[in-house]
């Protein structure tokens, strides 16, 4: 069957995906309101929270998570999940750092190698899930261990210190353009490009179609396996970008880089309105979710709470977001069933 045109894909995904998309946008607006309230509340106890320097630092750190969350969001839109993203960030960060340590490779080459490595690891996940039909949670849980194990094997006890990196390599993490950190500008640019692709291209509409209604997507002739393969590859490439940013931000890198980051990355996507059941959500929402979690992480020590609460907060955020999405999906399905029975 011929590939479906844009109008056919849009028609199929309008219900219930269109309604879920509207709810996702409402969640994004609500998240912005929460950020404002959170900022005001914390500033009463810690006035330094709303200073330009602190907000800039929060935005830069959140940008690293946000870039990885963009790739995770693409995967979740197709009803999948990538749990190996933290290991991809970690191994890319170490490979880039150790490549630059000897000063034998130019920085742009090392950056390209890092992003390329992320792409390769994403392709491995894509093959496992799309073509070998391994459930994504099982496949990426396995590759999480494999990628991390390879990272430990390569790194051993070696640590690349900041002083071993080329002069100026980490400057981007502390540089800005017209007062806006470069990391934030990069994140906004990636969100803008990704949003145009999702909204204005056949591939973008196919992503929503596969996640919203896989059966209908198959009837329409959409190459679901290729779409799923492509989003995992893109997720790997974006994790590679995040790995490069990780080196620039933290400087000193070893085999444990980014350990535990997957919880924040997944939480950023789902709290930002990307439906864990697929088919709805935006990249802007995922980036906004990362900023929200960054605000929370920064606020805790300022108000005297232990950072160990973060893991509990991330888990609670994921549970609340998933539970909310599940309730909404069930209600929409019941509403559609009642209408079809009339």
Foldseek 3Di string as FASTA:
>chain_A
DDAFDPVLLCVLLCPPLVVLQVVLVVLLVVLVVVVVVLQVVLCVLPVCCPDLVNLQLLLLVLLLLLLLLLLQLLLLQLLAGALLLLLLLQLLLVQLLVVQLVVPDDNVVSLVVLLVSLLVLLLQLLCCCLPVVDGRVVSNVVVSVVSLVVLCVVFPVNKRALVSGDPPLLVLSVDDDPSHRNSNVVSVVVQVVVQCCLPPHPLNSLSLSSLRPVVVSVVSVNSSSVSSSVSSSVSSSSSSNSSSSQCSNPVMGGSCGSPPVSLQSNLLSLSLSSASSHNHGGSVSSSSSSSSLSSVQSSQVSNPHDSVCSVVVSVVSVVVSNVVSVVVVVVSVVVVVVVVVD
